[in-house]
């Protein structure tokens, strides 16, 4: 405990640099802001030696770190820099197709058919519908799209 009461400017600078280095190995922009907070306190101690007792140094470090982290998170969210929601669908193209509409390439028979998306044919599951009928993707399971008729009234007359 005595160490924390005898902390000097270079302790803060080293602590800040260590946190910044750790941020490179554990990205997420969390340690970055604590590192910046430590560096700021270190520079303040270097410029104004003896003006801040250790308790105030820790308080300034805590406030700077948390405030900068909160400000960064709100800025990132506002400017869509924080893409946590989409990162889970990087290798799940089927997830990005939910809500889109396509024409059936093959009729849905026995609950199974196909749609063409770009240059790829996708397996679809849904109600019996004729080829060319417009369907909407409502879900997915693996690489199989779950679809429903866009126009349920015409589905019965076309079949």
N, C-alpha and C. Protein backbone atom coordinates (compact mmCIF):
# COMPACT_ATOMS: atom_id res chain seq x y z
N UNK A 1 0.82 -1.19 0.00
CA UNK A 1 0.00 0.00 0.00
C UNK A 1 0.86 1.26 0.00
N UNK A 2 2.03 1.15 0.60
CA UNK A 2 2.92 2.30 0.68
C UNK A 2 3.38 2.74 -0.71
N UNK A 3 3.55 1.77 -1.62
CA UNK A 3 3.97 2.10 -2.99
C UNK A 3 2.98 3.07 -3.64
N UNK A 4 1.69 2.82 -3.44
CA UNK A 4 0.66 3.65 -4.06
C UNK A 4 0.64 5.07 -3.50
N UNK A 5 1.27 5.27 -2.36
CA UNK A 5 1.33 6.61 -1.77
C UNK A 5 2.62 7.33 -2.14
N UNK A 6 3.55 6.62 -2.78
CA UNK A 6 4.83 7.22 -3.17
C UNK A 6 5.02 7.18 -4.69
N UNK A 7 3.95 7.19 -5.43
CA UNK A 7 4.03 7.07 -6.88
C UNK A 7 4.54 8.38 -7.49
N UNK A 8 5.44 8.25 -8.45
CA UNK A 8 6.03 9.41 -9.11
C UNK A 8 5.58 9.46 -10.57
N UNK A 9 5.96 10.54 -11.25
CA UNK A 9 5.50 10.75 -12.62
C UNK A 9 5.90 9.59 -13.54
N UNK A 10 7.13 9.07 -13.37
CA UNK A 10 7.58 8.04 -14.29
C UNK A 10 6.84 6.72 -14.06
N UNK A 11 6.32 6.50 -12.86
CA UNK A 11 5.48 5.32 -12.62
C UNK A 11 4.22 5.40 -13.51
N UNK A 12 3.63 6.59 -13.54
CA UNK A 12 2.43 6.78 -14.35
C UNK A 12 2.73 6.60 -15.84
N UNK A 13 3.87 7.14 -16.27
CA UNK A 13 4.23 7.02 -17.68
C UNK A 13 4.47 5.56 -18.07
N UNK A 14 5.18 4.83 -17.24
CA UNK A 14 5.43 3.40 -17.51
C UNK A 14 4.11 2.63 -17.49
N UNK A 15 3.27 2.90 -16.49
CA UNK A 15 1.97 2.24 -16.37
C UNK A 15 1.12 2.52 -17.61
N UNK A 16 1.12 3.76 -18.07
CA UNK A 16 0.37 4.12 -19.27
C UNK A 16 0.88 3.40 -20.50
N UNK A 17 2.21 3.34 -20.67
CA UNK A 17 2.78 2.65 -21.82
C UNK A 17 2.49 1.15 -21.78
N UNK A 18 2.56 0.57 -20.59
CA UNK A 18 2.24 -0.87 -20.45
C UNK A 18 0.79 -1.12 -20.86
N UNK A 19 -0.11 -0.27 -20.43
CA UNK A 19 -1.52 -0.43 -20.80
C UNK A 19 -1.72 -0.27 -22.31
N UNK A 20 -1.02 0.66 -22.92
CA UNK A 20 -1.12 0.84 -24.37
C UNK A 20 -0.58 -0.38 -25.11
N UNK A 21 0.50 -0.94 -24.62
CA UNK A 21 1.06 -2.15 -25.24
C UNK A 21 0.09 -3.32 -25.07
N UNK A 22 -0.49 -3.45 -23.88
CA UNK A 22 -1.47 -4.52 -23.65
C UNK A 22 -2.68 -4.36 -24.57
N UNK A 23 -3.05 -3.14 -24.89
CA UNK A 23 -4.18 -2.90 -25.79
C UNK A 23 -3.93 -3.52 -27.16
N UNK A 24 -2.67 -3.55 -27.58
CA UNK A 24 -2.35 -4.16 -28.87
C UNK A 24 -2.62 -5.66 -28.86
N UNK A 25 -2.49 -6.29 -27.72
CA UNK A 25 -2.70 -7.73 -27.62
C UNK A 25 -4.13 -8.09 -27.22
N UNK A 26 -4.84 -7.15 -26.67
CA UNK A 26 -6.23 -7.37 -26.26
C UNK A 26 -7.07 -6.21 -26.77
N UNK A 27 -7.26 -6.13 -28.10
CA UNK A 27 -7.97 -4.99 -28.66
C UNK A 27 -9.40 -4.90 -28.16
N UNK A 28 -9.93 -3.73 -28.18
CA UNK A 28 -11.28 -3.48 -27.73
C UNK A 28 -11.42 -2.05 -27.28
N UNK A 29 -10.33 -1.30 -27.35
CA UNK A 29 -10.30 0.12 -26.98
C UNK A 29 -10.74 0.35 -25.55
N UNK A 30 -10.38 -0.56 -24.65
CA UNK A 30 -10.68 -0.37 -23.23
C UNK A 30 -9.39 0.03 -22.52
N UNK A 31 -8.37 -0.79 -22.66
CA UNK A 31 -7.09 -0.48 -22.01
C UNK A 31 -6.48 0.80 -22.57
N UNK A 32 -6.80 1.09 -23.82
CA UNK A 32 -6.29 2.30 -24.46
C UNK A 32 -6.61 3.53 -23.62
N UNK A 33 -7.84 3.64 -23.17
CA UNK A 33 -8.27 4.84 -22.45
C UNK A 33 -7.71 4.89 -21.04
N UNK A 34 -7.50 3.74 -20.43
CA UNK A 34 -6.85 3.72 -19.12
C UNK A 34 -5.37 4.09 -19.28
N UNK A 35 -4.77 3.65 -20.38
CA UNK A 35 -3.39 4.03 -20.67
C UNK A 35 -3.25 5.52 -20.90
N UNK A 36 -4.19 6.09 -21.63
CA UNK A 36 -4.18 7.54 -21.87
C UNK A 36 -4.35 8.28 -20.55
N UNK A 37 -5.25 7.80 -19.70
CA UNK A 37 -5.45 8.42 -18.38
C UNK A 37 -4.17 8.42 -17.56
N UNK A 38 -3.46 7.29 -17.57
CA UNK A 38 -2.20 7.19 -16.82
C UNK A 38 -1.14 8.13 -17.41
N UNK A 39 -1.06 8.20 -18.73
CA UNK A 39 -0.08 9.09 -19.36
C UNK A 39 -0.38 10.56 -19.03
N UNK A 40 -1.64 10.93 -19.04
CA UNK A 40 -2.00 12.32 -18.72
C UNK A 40 -1.60 12.65 -17.29
N UNK A 41 -1.89 11.74 -16.35
CA UNK A 41 -1.51 11.98 -14.95
C UNK A 41 0.01 12.06 -14.84
N UNK A 42 0.73 11.21 -15.56
CA UNK A 42 2.19 11.25 -15.54
C UNK A 42 2.74 12.56 -16.05
N UNK A 43 2.17 13.05 -17.15
CA UNK A 43 2.61 14.33 -17.71
C UNK A 43 2.28 15.48 -16.75
N UNK A 44 1.09 15.43 -16.14
CA UNK A 44 0.73 16.47 -15.16
C UNK A 44 1.70 16.47 -13.98
N UNK A 45 2.08 15.29 -13.53
CA UNK A 45 3.04 15.18 -12.42
C UNK A 45 4.42 15.71 -12.84
N UNK A 46 4.78 15.47 -14.09
CA UNK A 46 6.07 15.94 -14.59
C UNK A 46 6.08 17.47 -14.69
N UNK A 47 5.00 18.04 -15.20
CA UNK A 47 4.91 19.49 -15.38
C UNK A 47 4.70 20.20 -14.05
N UNK A 48 3.86 19.64 -13.19
CA UNK A 48 3.50 20.27 -11.91
C UNK A 48 3.88 19.34 -10.75
N UNK A 49 5.18 19.14 -10.52
CA UNK A 49 5.57 18.18 -9.48
C UNK A 49 5.11 18.59 -8.09
N UNK A 50 4.63 17.61 -7.34
CA UNK A 50 4.24 17.84 -5.96
C UNK A 50 2.92 18.55 -5.77
N UNK A 51 2.23 18.89 -6.85
CA UNK A 51 0.97 19.62 -6.73
C UNK A 51 -0.22 18.70 -6.44
N UNK A 52 -0.09 17.43 -6.84
CA UNK A 52 -1.19 16.49 -6.62
C UNK A 52 -0.75 15.39 -5.67
N UNK A 53 -1.40 15.26 -4.53
CA UNK A 53 -1.09 14.13 -3.66
C UNK A 53 -1.54 12.83 -4.33
N UNK A 54 -1.00 11.69 -3.90
CA UNK A 54 -1.32 10.41 -4.55
C UNK A 54 -2.82 10.11 -4.65
N UNK A 55 -3.58 10.48 -3.62
CA UNK A 55 -5.02 10.21 -3.67
C UNK A 55 -5.67 10.96 -4.82
N UNK A 56 -5.25 12.20 -5.03
CA UNK A 56 -5.79 13.01 -6.13
C UNK A 56 -5.32 12.46 -7.47
N UNK A 57 -4.08 11.97 -7.53
CA UNK A 57 -3.58 11.37 -8.77
C UNK A 57 -4.46 10.19 -9.18
N UNK A 58 -4.77 9.32 -8.21
CA UNK A 58 -5.61 8.16 -8.50
C UNK A 58 -7.02 8.59 -8.89
N UNK A 59 -7.51 9.63 -8.25
CA UNK A 59 -8.84 10.13 -8.57
C UNK A 59 -8.87 10.70 -9.99
N UNK A 60 -7.85 11.50 -10.34
CA UNK A 60 -7.77 12.07 -11.69
C UNK A 60 -7.63 10.95 -12.72
N UNK A 61 -6.79 9.97 -12.43
CA UNK A 61 -6.62 8.83 -13.33
C UNK A 61 -7.96 8.12 -13.55
N UNK A 62 -8.68 7.86 -12.48
CA UNK A 62 -9.96 7.15 -12.59
C UNK A 62 -10.98 7.94 -13.39
N UNK A 63 -11.09 9.22 -13.08
CA UNK A 63 -12.07 10.06 -13.77
C UNK A 63 -11.72 10.19 -15.25
N UNK A 64 -10.46 10.47 -15.55
CA UNK A 64 -10.03 10.60 -16.95
C UNK A 64 -10.26 9.30 -17.73
N UNK A 65 -9.90 8.19 -17.13
CA UNK A 65 -10.02 6.90 -17.82
C UNK A 65 -11.47 6.55 -18.12
N UNK A 66 -12.30 6.63 -17.10
CA UNK A 66 -13.71 6.27 -17.29
C UNK A 66 -14.42 7.26 -18.21
N UNK A 67 -14.16 8.55 -18.02
CA UNK A 67 -14.80 9.56 -18.86
C UNK A 67 -14.40 9.39 -20.32
N UNK A 68 -13.12 9.18 -20.58
CA UNK A 68 -12.68 9.03 -21.97
C UNK A 68 -13.23 7.74 -22.58
N UNK A 69 -13.34 6.69 -21.79
CA UNK A 69 -13.92 5.44 -22.28
C UNK A 69 -15.40 5.63 -22.63
N UNK A 70 -16.14 6.28 -21.77
CA UNK A 70 -17.57 6.52 -22.02
C UNK A 70 -17.75 7.43 -23.23
N UNK A 71 -16.95 8.48 -23.33
CA UNK A 71 -17.04 9.38 -24.48
C UNK A 71 -16.72 8.65 -25.78
N UNK A 72 -15.69 7.81 -25.75
CA UNK A 72 -15.32 7.05 -26.95
C UNK A 72 -16.44 6.11 -27.36
N UNK A 73 -17.00 5.38 -26.39
CA UNK A 73 -18.07 4.44 -26.71
C UNK A 73 -19.28 5.15 -27.31
N UNK A 74 -19.65 6.30 -26.76
CA UNK A 74 -20.80 7.03 -27.31
C UNK A 74 -20.47 7.59 -28.69
N UNK A 75 -19.25 8.08 -28.89
CA UNK A 75 -18.83 8.56 -30.20
C UNK A 75 -18.83 7.42 -31.22
N UNK A 76 -18.29 6.28 -30.84
CA UNK A 76 -18.22 5.13 -31.74
C UNK A 76 -19.62 4.64 -32.11
N UNK A 77 -20.50 4.63 -31.14
CA UNK A 77 -21.87 4.19 -31.41
C UNK A 77 -22.58 5.18 -32.33
N UNK A 78 -22.39 6.47 -32.08
CA UNK A 78 -23.04 7.50 -32.89
C UNK A 78 -22.54 7.46 -34.33
N UNK A 79 -21.26 7.21 -34.52
CA UNK A 79 -20.67 7.19 -35.86
C UNK A 79 -20.52 5.78 -36.41
N UNK A 80 -21.19 4.83 -35.79
CA UNK A 80 -21.22 3.43 -36.23
C UNK A 80 -19.82 2.84 -36.40
N UNK A 81 -18.91 3.21 -35.49
CA UNK A 81 -17.57 2.64 -35.52
C UNK A 81 -17.51 1.33 -34.75
N UNK A 82 -18.47 1.16 -33.85
CA UNK A 82 -18.53 -0.03 -33.01
C UNK A 82 -19.49 -1.00 -33.67
N UNK A 83 -18.99 -1.96 -34.44
CA UNK A 83 -19.82 -2.86 -35.23
C UNK A 83 -19.99 -4.22 -34.58
N UNK A 84 -20.17 -4.26 -33.27
CA UNK A 84 -20.33 -5.53 -32.59
C UNK A 84 -21.52 -6.32 -33.10
N UNK A 85 -22.60 -5.63 -33.46
CA UNK A 85 -23.81 -6.33 -33.89
C UNK A 85 -23.59 -7.08 -35.19
N UNK A 86 -22.85 -6.47 -36.12
CA UNK A 86 -22.65 -7.09 -37.42
C UNK A 86 -21.49 -8.06 -37.46
N UNK A 87 -20.61 -7.98 -36.50
CA UNK A 87 -19.43 -8.84 -36.56
C UNK A 87 -19.78 -10.31 -36.47
N UNK A 88 -20.90 -10.65 -35.84
CA UNK A 88 -21.32 -12.04 -35.73
C UNK A 88 -21.81 -12.60 -37.04
N UNK A 89 -22.16 -11.74 -38.02
CA UNK A 89 -22.69 -12.22 -39.29
C UNK A 89 -21.65 -12.19 -40.40
N UNK A 90 -20.39 -11.99 -40.05
CA UNK A 90 -19.35 -11.88 -41.05
C UNK A 90 -19.35 -13.08 -41.99
N UNK A 91 -19.39 -14.27 -41.47
CA UNK A 91 -19.37 -15.48 -42.29
C UNK A 91 -20.73 -16.15 -42.33
N UNK A 92 -21.79 -15.40 -42.11
CA UNK A 92 -23.14 -15.93 -42.16
C UNK A 92 -23.95 -15.10 -43.14
N UNK A 93 -23.74 -15.36 -44.41
CA UNK A 93 -24.43 -14.56 -45.43
C UNK A 93 -25.93 -14.72 -45.32
N UNK A 94 -26.37 -15.90 -44.89
CA UNK A 94 -27.80 -16.13 -44.77
C UNK A 94 -28.45 -15.14 -43.81
N UNK A 95 -27.73 -14.74 -42.79
CA UNK A 95 -28.26 -13.77 -41.82
C UNK A 95 -28.54 -12.43 -42.51
N UNK A 96 -27.70 -12.05 -43.46
CA UNK A 96 -27.89 -10.77 -44.14
C UNK A 96 -29.03 -10.82 -45.15
N UNK A 97 -29.52 -12.01 -45.48
CA UNK A 97 -30.60 -12.13 -46.46
C UNK A 97 -31.99 -12.05 -45.83
N UNK A 98 -32.06 -12.14 -44.52
CA UNK A 98 -33.35 -12.08 -43.84
C UNK A 98 -34.02 -10.74 -44.13
N UNK A 99 -35.28 -10.80 -44.54
CA UNK A 99 -36.04 -9.60 -44.87
C UNK A 99 -36.04 -9.26 -46.36
N UNK A 100 -35.16 -9.87 -47.13
CA UNK A 100 -35.09 -9.59 -48.57
C UNK A 100 -36.08 -10.46 -49.32
N UNK A 101 -36.44 -10.02 -50.52
CA UNK A 101 -37.40 -10.75 -51.35
C UNK A 101 -36.72 -11.25 -52.62
N UNK A 102 -37.14 -12.46 -53.05
CA UNK A 102 -36.57 -13.09 -54.24
C UNK A 102 -37.68 -13.84 -54.97
N UNK A 103 -37.44 -14.12 -56.25
CA UNK A 103 -38.33 -14.99 -57.02
C UNK A 103 -37.79 -16.41 -56.94
N UNK A 104 -38.70 -17.37 -56.80
CA UNK A 104 -38.28 -18.77 -56.72
C UNK A 104 -37.68 -19.22 -58.04
N UNK A 105 -36.51 -19.82 -58.00
CA UNK A 105 -35.88 -20.40 -59.19
C UNK A 105 -36.46 -21.78 -59.45
N UNK A 106 -36.72 -22.51 -58.39
CA UNK A 106 -37.37 -23.82 -58.46
C UNK A 106 -38.58 -23.76 -57.54
N UNK A 107 -39.66 -24.37 -57.95
CA UNK A 107 -40.87 -24.40 -57.13
C UNK A 107 -40.57 -25.05 -55.78
N UNK A 108 -41.30 -24.62 -54.78
CA UNK A 108 -41.17 -25.28 -53.47
C UNK A 108 -42.12 -26.47 -53.48
N UNK A 109 -41.54 -27.66 -53.47
CA UNK A 109 -42.31 -28.91 -53.45
C UNK A 109 -41.85 -29.71 -52.25
N UNK A 110 -42.79 -30.26 -51.54
CA UNK A 110 -42.50 -30.99 -50.30
C UNK A 110 -41.71 -30.11 -49.32
N UNK A 111 -41.99 -28.81 -49.37
CA UNK A 111 -41.38 -27.88 -48.42
C UNK A 111 -40.00 -27.38 -48.80
N UNK A 112 -39.46 -27.81 -49.98
CA UNK A 112 -38.09 -27.44 -50.36
C UNK A 112 -38.06 -26.88 -51.78
N UNK A 113 -37.32 -25.78 -51.98
CA UNK A 113 -37.15 -25.19 -53.29
C UNK A 113 -35.82 -24.44 -53.36
N UNK A 114 -35.69 -23.55 -54.37
CA UNK A 114 -34.45 -22.79 -54.52
C UNK A 114 -34.74 -21.38 -54.98
N UNK A 115 -33.87 -20.45 -54.54
CA UNK A 115 -33.88 -19.08 -55.05
C UNK A 115 -32.47 -18.75 -55.49
N UNK A 116 -32.39 -17.82 -56.43
CA UNK A 116 -31.08 -17.38 -56.89
C UNK A 116 -30.77 -16.03 -56.26
N UNK A 117 -29.61 -15.97 -55.59
CA UNK A 117 -29.13 -14.74 -54.97
C UNK A 117 -27.78 -14.44 -55.62
N UNK A 118 -27.75 -13.42 -56.47
CA UNK A 118 -26.51 -13.14 -57.20
C UNK A 118 -26.23 -14.30 -58.15
N UNK A 119 -25.08 -14.92 -57.99
CA UNK A 119 -24.73 -16.06 -58.84
C UNK A 119 -24.83 -17.39 -58.10
N UNK A 120 -25.53 -17.39 -56.97
CA UNK A 120 -25.62 -18.58 -56.13
C UNK A 120 -27.07 -19.00 -55.94
N UNK A 121 -27.31 -20.30 -55.98
CA UNK A 121 -28.63 -20.83 -55.68
C UNK A 121 -28.67 -21.25 -54.22
N UNK A 122 -29.70 -20.82 -53.53
CA UNK A 122 -29.88 -21.13 -52.12
C UNK A 122 -31.06 -22.07 -51.94
N UNK A 123 -30.90 -23.02 -51.07
CA UNK A 123 -31.98 -23.93 -50.70
C UNK A 123 -32.94 -23.15 -49.81
N UNK A 124 -34.24 -23.30 -50.09
CA UNK A 124 -35.25 -22.63 -49.27
C UNK A 124 -36.26 -23.64 -48.76
N UNK A 125 -36.83 -23.33 -47.63
CA UNK A 125 -37.92 -24.14 -47.07
C UNK A 125 -39.10 -23.23 -46.84
N UNK A 126 -40.28 -23.72 -47.19
CA UNK A 126 -41.49 -22.94 -47.00
C UNK A 126 -42.70 -23.67 -47.52
N UNK A 127 -43.82 -22.97 -47.66
CA UNK A 127 -45.04 -23.60 -48.17
C UNK A 127 -44.93 -23.88 -49.66
N UNK A 128 -45.76 -24.78 -50.16
CA UNK A 128 -45.77 -25.14 -51.58
C UNK A 128 -46.05 -23.88 -52.41
N UNK A 129 -45.10 -23.53 -53.29
CA UNK A 129 -45.25 -22.35 -54.15
C UNK A 129 -44.66 -22.66 -55.52
N UNK A 130 -45.21 -22.05 -56.59
CA UNK A 130 -44.71 -22.32 -57.93
C UNK A 130 -43.41 -21.57 -58.24
N UNK A 131 -42.72 -22.04 -59.25
CA UNK A 131 -41.50 -21.37 -59.73
C UNK A 131 -41.85 -19.95 -60.16
N UNK A 132 -40.97 -18.99 -59.84
CA UNK A 132 -41.18 -17.60 -60.20
C UNK A 132 -41.96 -16.81 -59.17
N UNK A 133 -42.54 -17.49 -58.20
CA UNK A 133 -43.32 -16.79 -57.17
C UNK A 133 -42.39 -15.97 -56.28
N UNK A 134 -42.85 -14.80 -55.89
CA UNK A 134 -42.04 -13.91 -55.04
C UNK A 134 -42.17 -14.36 -53.58
N UNK A 135 -41.00 -14.55 -52.93
CA UNK A 135 -40.97 -14.97 -51.53
C UNK A 135 -40.10 -14.01 -50.73
N UNK A 136 -40.34 -13.99 -49.43
CA UNK A 136 -39.56 -13.16 -48.52
C UNK A 136 -38.85 -14.07 -47.54
N UNK A 137 -37.56 -13.80 -47.31
CA UNK A 137 -36.77 -14.59 -46.36
C UNK A 137 -37.14 -14.12 -44.95
N UNK A 138 -37.61 -15.07 -44.14
CA UNK A 138 -38.04 -14.73 -42.78
C UNK A 138 -37.12 -15.32 -41.72
N UNK A 139 -36.18 -16.14 -42.15
CA UNK A 139 -35.25 -16.74 -41.20
C UNK A 139 -34.27 -17.65 -41.94
N UNK A 140 -33.47 -18.36 -41.19
CA UNK A 140 -32.50 -19.27 -41.78
C UNK A 140 -32.09 -20.31 -40.76
N UNK A 141 -31.60 -21.42 -41.28
CA UNK A 141 -31.02 -22.46 -40.44
C UNK A 141 -29.82 -22.99 -41.21
N UNK A 142 -28.64 -22.61 -40.77
CA UNK A 142 -27.44 -22.96 -41.52
C UNK A 142 -27.46 -22.23 -42.85
N UNK A 143 -27.36 -23.00 -43.96
CA UNK A 143 -27.38 -22.41 -45.29
C UNK A 143 -28.75 -22.54 -45.95
N UNK A 144 -29.76 -22.89 -45.19
CA UNK A 144 -31.12 -23.00 -45.71
C UNK A 144 -31.93 -21.80 -45.27
N UNK A 145 -32.56 -21.15 -46.25
CA UNK A 145 -33.37 -19.97 -45.96
C UNK A 145 -34.82 -20.39 -45.72
N UNK A 146 -35.44 -19.81 -44.72
CA UNK A 146 -36.86 -20.03 -44.44
C UNK A 146 -37.61 -18.89 -45.12
N UNK A 147 -38.60 -19.23 -45.97
CA UNK A 147 -39.30 -18.21 -46.73
C UNK A 147 -40.81 -18.31 -46.54
N UNK A 148 -41.47 -17.20 -46.89
CA UNK A 148 -42.93 -17.18 -46.94
C UNK A 148 -43.32 -16.41 -48.19
N UNK A 149 -44.53 -16.63 -48.64
CA UNK A 149 -45.03 -15.96 -49.83
C UNK A 149 -45.20 -14.47 -49.55
N UNK A 150 -44.81 -13.65 -50.52
CA UNK A 150 -45.02 -12.21 -50.38
C UNK A 150 -46.50 -11.91 -50.58
N UNK A 151 -47.13 -12.64 -51.48
CA UNK A 151 -48.55 -12.48 -51.79
C UNK A 151 -49.28 -13.79 -51.52
N UNK A 152 -49.71 -14.05 -50.31
CA UNK A 152 -50.35 -15.33 -50.00
C UNK A 152 -51.61 -15.58 -50.83
N UNK A 153 -52.34 -14.52 -51.24
CA UNK A 153 -53.57 -14.71 -52.02
C UNK A 153 -53.27 -15.33 -53.38
N UNK A 154 -52.21 -14.84 -54.05
CA UNK A 154 -51.88 -15.35 -55.38
C UNK A 154 -51.20 -16.70 -55.31
N UNK A 155 -50.66 -17.07 -54.17
CA UNK A 155 -49.99 -18.37 -54.04
C UNK A 155 -50.98 -19.50 -54.26
N UNK A 156 -52.20 -19.35 -53.77
CA UNK A 156 -53.20 -20.40 -53.92
C UNK A 156 -53.71 -20.49 -55.35
N UNK A 157 -53.82 -19.36 -56.06
CA UNK A 157 -54.34 -19.39 -57.42
C UNK A 157 -53.29 -19.85 -58.42
N UNK A 158 -52.02 -19.62 -58.14
CA UNK A 158 -50.94 -20.02 -59.05
C UNK A 158 -50.64 -21.50 -58.94
N UNK A 159 -50.84 -22.09 -57.79
CA UNK A 159 -50.44 -23.49 -57.54
C UNK A 159 -51.29 -24.47 -58.29
